[in-house]
């Protein structure tokens, strides 16, 4: 696994933005998986 701690921003606002991007990516992938299942 990647050493993610090296890449995480320390600023709380930047962490929020990073988390929002990750959540959007996870949601997008989950929707694609569901689409491919049907």
PDB file of N, CA and C in Angstrom:
ATOM      1  N   UNK A   1       0.845  -1.186   0.000  1.00  0.00           N
ATOM      2  CA  UNK A   1       0.000   0.000   0.000  1.00  0.00           C
ATOM      3  C   UNK A   1       0.885   1.242   0.000  1.00  0.00           C
ATOM      4  N   UNK A   2       0.385   2.283  -0.617  1.00  0.00           N
ATOM      5  CA  UNK A   2       1.130   3.536  -0.669  1.00  0.00           C
ATOM      6  C   UNK A   2       1.275   4.132   0.721  1.00  0.00           C
ATOM      7  N   UNK A   3       2.364   4.841   0.922  1.00  0.00           N
ATOM      8  CA  UNK A   3       2.544   5.563   2.176  1.00  0.00           C
ATOM      9  C   UNK A   3       1.771   6.875   2.058  1.00  0.00           C
ATOM     10  N   UNK A   4       0.491   6.793   2.322  1.00  0.00           N
ATOM     11  CA  UNK A   4      -0.423   7.913   2.082  1.00  0.00           C
ATOM     12  C   UNK A   4      -0.087   9.118   2.949  1.00  0.00           C
ATOM     13  N   UNK A   5       0.424   8.895   4.140  1.00  0.00           N
ATOM     14  CA  UNK A   5       0.707  10.005   5.052  1.00  0.00           C
ATOM     15  C   UNK A   5       1.656  11.023   4.424  1.00  0.00           C
ATOM     16  N   UNK A   6       2.520  10.598   3.537  1.00  0.00           N
ATOM     17  CA  UNK A   6       3.454  11.517   2.883  1.00  0.00           C
ATOM     18  C   UNK A   6       2.728  12.501   1.971  1.00  0.00           C
ATOM     19  N   UNK A   7       1.564  12.118   1.466  1.00  0.00           N
ATOM     20  CA  UNK A   7       0.857  12.914   0.469  1.00  0.00           C
ATOM     21  C   UNK A   7      -0.306  13.715   1.043  1.00  0.00           C
ATOM     22  N   UNK A   8      -0.688  13.450   2.272  1.00  0.00           N
ATOM     23  CA  UNK A   8      -1.832  14.145   2.852  1.00  0.00           C
ATOM     24  C   UNK A   8      -1.464  15.568   3.249  1.00  0.00           C
ATOM     25  N   UNK A   9      -2.321  16.523   2.890  1.00  0.00           N
ATOM     26  CA  UNK A   9      -2.067  17.903   3.324  1.00  0.00           C
ATOM     27  C   UNK A   9      -2.273  18.023   4.830  1.00  0.00           C
ATOM     28  N   UNK A  10      -1.569  18.938   5.450  1.00  0.00           N
ATOM     29  CA  UNK A  10      -1.697  19.132   6.896  1.00  0.00           C
ATOM     30  C   UNK A  10      -2.727  20.200   7.244  1.00  0.00           C
ATOM     31  N   UNK A  11      -2.984  21.101   6.320  1.00  0.00           N
ATOM     32  CA  UNK A  11      -3.957  22.163   6.549  1.00  0.00           C
ATOM     33  C   UNK A  11      -5.366  21.567   6.592  1.00  0.00           C
ATOM     34  N   UNK A  12      -6.144  21.870   7.635  1.00  0.00           N
ATOM     35  CA  UNK A  12      -7.491  21.291   7.754  1.00  0.00           C
ATOM     36  C   UNK A  12      -8.387  21.554   6.536  1.00  0.00           C
ATOM     37  N   UNK A  13      -8.332  22.754   5.983  1.00  0.00           N
ATOM     38  CA  UNK A  13      -9.171  23.057   4.815  1.00  0.00           C
ATOM     39  C   UNK A  13      -8.739  22.235   3.605  1.00  0.00           C
ATOM     40  N   UNK A  14      -7.438  22.086   3.419  1.00  0.00           N
ATOM     41  CA  UNK A  14      -6.941  21.265   2.314  1.00  0.00           C
ATOM     42  C   UNK A  14      -7.325  19.799   2.518  1.00  0.00           C
ATOM     43  N   UNK A  15      -7.313  19.346   3.775  1.00  0.00           N
ATOM     44  CA  UNK A  15      -7.742  17.972   4.065  1.00  0.00           C
ATOM     45  C   UNK A  15      -9.216  17.776   3.720  1.00  0.00           C
ATOM     46  N   UNK A  16     -10.035  18.774   4.031  1.00  0.00           N
ATOM     47  CA  UNK A  16     -11.467  18.692   3.690  1.00  0.00           C
ATOM     48  C   UNK A  16     -11.660  18.585   2.182  1.00  0.00           C
ATOM     49  N   UNK A  17     -10.929  19.403   1.442  1.00  0.00           N
ATOM     50  CA  UNK A  17     -11.035  19.365  -0.020  1.00  0.00           C
ATOM     51  C   UNK A  17     -10.566  18.019  -0.562  1.00  0.00           C
ATOM     52  N   UNK A  18      -9.462  17.523  -0.028  1.00  0.00           N
ATOM     53  CA  UNK A  18      -8.914  16.231  -0.439  1.00  0.00           C
ATOM     54  C   UNK A  18      -9.922  15.115  -0.157  1.00  0.00           C
ATOM     55  N   UNK A  19     -10.526  15.171   1.030  1.00  0.00           N
ATOM     56  CA  UNK A  19     -11.520  14.170   1.412  1.00  0.00           C
ATOM     57  C   UNK A  19     -12.736  14.232   0.499  1.00  0.00           C
ATOM     58  N   UNK A  20     -13.176  15.426   0.155  1.00  0.00           N
ATOM     59  CA  UNK A  20     -14.322  15.578  -0.743  1.00  0.00           C
ATOM     60  C   UNK A  20     -14.014  14.968  -2.108  1.00  0.00           C
ATOM     61  N   UNK A  21     -12.797  15.182  -2.606  1.00  0.00           N
ATOM     62  CA  UNK A  21     -12.407  14.590  -3.889  1.00  0.00           C
ATOM     63  C   UNK A  21     -12.383  13.068  -3.804  1.00  0.00           C
ATOM     64  N   UNK A  22     -11.857  12.541  -2.702  1.00  0.00           N
ATOM     65  CA  UNK A  22     -11.821  11.086  -2.528  1.00  0.00           C
ATOM     66  C   UNK A  22     -13.233  10.508  -2.469  1.00  0.00           C
ATOM     67  N   UNK A  23     -14.113  11.172  -1.737  1.00  0.00           N
ATOM     68  CA  UNK A  23     -15.493  10.691  -1.641  1.00  0.00           C
ATOM     69  C   UNK A  23     -16.180  10.712  -3.003  1.00  0.00           C
ATOM     70  N   UNK A  24     -15.936  11.750  -3.779  1.00  0.00           N
ATOM     71  CA  UNK A  24     -16.518  11.828  -5.116  1.00  0.00           C
ATOM     72  C   UNK A  24     -15.992  10.695  -5.992  1.00  0.00           C
ATOM     73  N   UNK A  25     -14.710  10.389  -5.880  1.00  0.00           N
ATOM     74  CA  UNK A  25     -14.113   9.306  -6.662  1.00  0.00           C
ATOM     75  C   UNK A  25     -14.690   7.950  -6.259  1.00  0.00           C
ATOM     76  N   UNK A  26     -14.825   7.723  -4.966  1.00  0.00           N
ATOM     77  CA  UNK A  26     -15.392   6.465  -4.479  1.00  0.00           C
ATOM     78  C   UNK A  26     -16.834   6.318  -4.956  1.00  0.00           C
ATOM     79  N   UNK A  27     -17.613   7.387  -4.869  1.00  0.00           N
ATOM     80  CA  UNK A  27     -19.006   7.348  -5.322  1.00  0.00           C
ATOM     81  C   UNK A  27     -19.074   7.048  -6.813  1.00  0.00           C
ATOM     82  N   UNK A  28     -18.220   7.701  -7.582  1.00  0.00           N
ATOM     83  CA  UNK A  28     -18.183   7.487  -9.025  1.00  0.00           C
ATOM     84  C   UNK A  28     -17.861   6.033  -9.354  1.00  0.00           C
ATOM     85  N   UNK A  29     -16.878   5.478  -8.673  1.00  0.00           N
ATOM     86  CA  UNK A  29     -16.499   4.087  -8.924  1.00  0.00           C
ATOM     87  C   UNK A  29     -17.607   3.130  -8.499  1.00  0.00           C
ATOM     88  N   UNK A  30     -18.260   3.411  -7.377  1.00  0.00           N
ATOM     89  CA  UNK A  30     -19.353   2.562  -6.914  1.00  0.00           C
ATOM     90  C   UNK A  30     -20.505   2.569  -7.916  1.00  0.00           C
ATOM     91  N   UNK A  31     -20.803   3.741  -8.466  1.00  0.00           N
ATOM     92  CA  UNK A  31     -21.878   3.832  -9.454  1.00  0.00           C
ATOM     93  C   UNK A  31     -21.510   3.073 -10.725  1.00  0.00           C
ATOM     94  N   UNK A  32     -20.261   3.162 -11.138  1.00  0.00           N
ATOM     95  CA  UNK A  32     -19.805   2.433 -12.318  1.00  0.00           C
ATOM     96  C   UNK A  32     -19.889   0.926 -12.093  1.00  0.00           C
ATOM     97  N   UNK A  33     -19.499   0.472 -10.922  1.00  0.00           N
ATOM     98  CA  UNK A  33     -19.580  -0.957 -10.602  1.00  0.00           C
ATOM     99  C   UNK A  33     -21.027  -1.427 -10.672  1.00  0.00           C
ATOM    100  N   UNK A  34     -21.937  -0.657 -10.090  1.00  0.00           N
ATOM    101  CA  UNK A  34     -23.353  -1.030 -10.143  1.00  0.00           C
ATOM    102  C   UNK A  34     -23.853  -1.067 -11.580  1.00  0.00           C
ATOM    103  N   UNK A  35     -23.450  -0.114 -12.374  1.00  0.00           N
ATOM    104  CA  UNK A  35     -23.864  -0.075 -13.778  1.00  0.00           C
ATOM    105  C   UNK A  35     -23.348  -1.306 -14.518  1.00  0.00           C
ATOM    106  N   UNK A  36     -22.123  -1.694 -14.252  1.00  0.00           N
ATOM    107  CA  UNK A  36     -21.535  -2.849 -14.934  1.00  0.00           C
ATOM    108  C   UNK A  36     -22.159  -4.168 -14.481  1.00  0.00           C
ATOM    109  N   UNK A  37     -22.714  -4.202 -13.288  1.00  0.00           N
ATOM    110  CA  UNK A  37     -23.352  -5.421 -12.781  1.00  0.00           C
ATOM    111  C   UNK A  37     -24.653  -5.721 -13.523  1.00  0.00           C
ATOM    112  N   UNK A  38     -25.295  -4.692 -14.055  1.00  0.00           N
ATOM    113  CA  UNK A  38     -26.613  -4.866 -14.684  1.00  0.00           C
ATOM    114  C   UNK A  38     -26.538  -4.898 -16.170  1.00  0.00           C
TER     115      UNK A  38
END
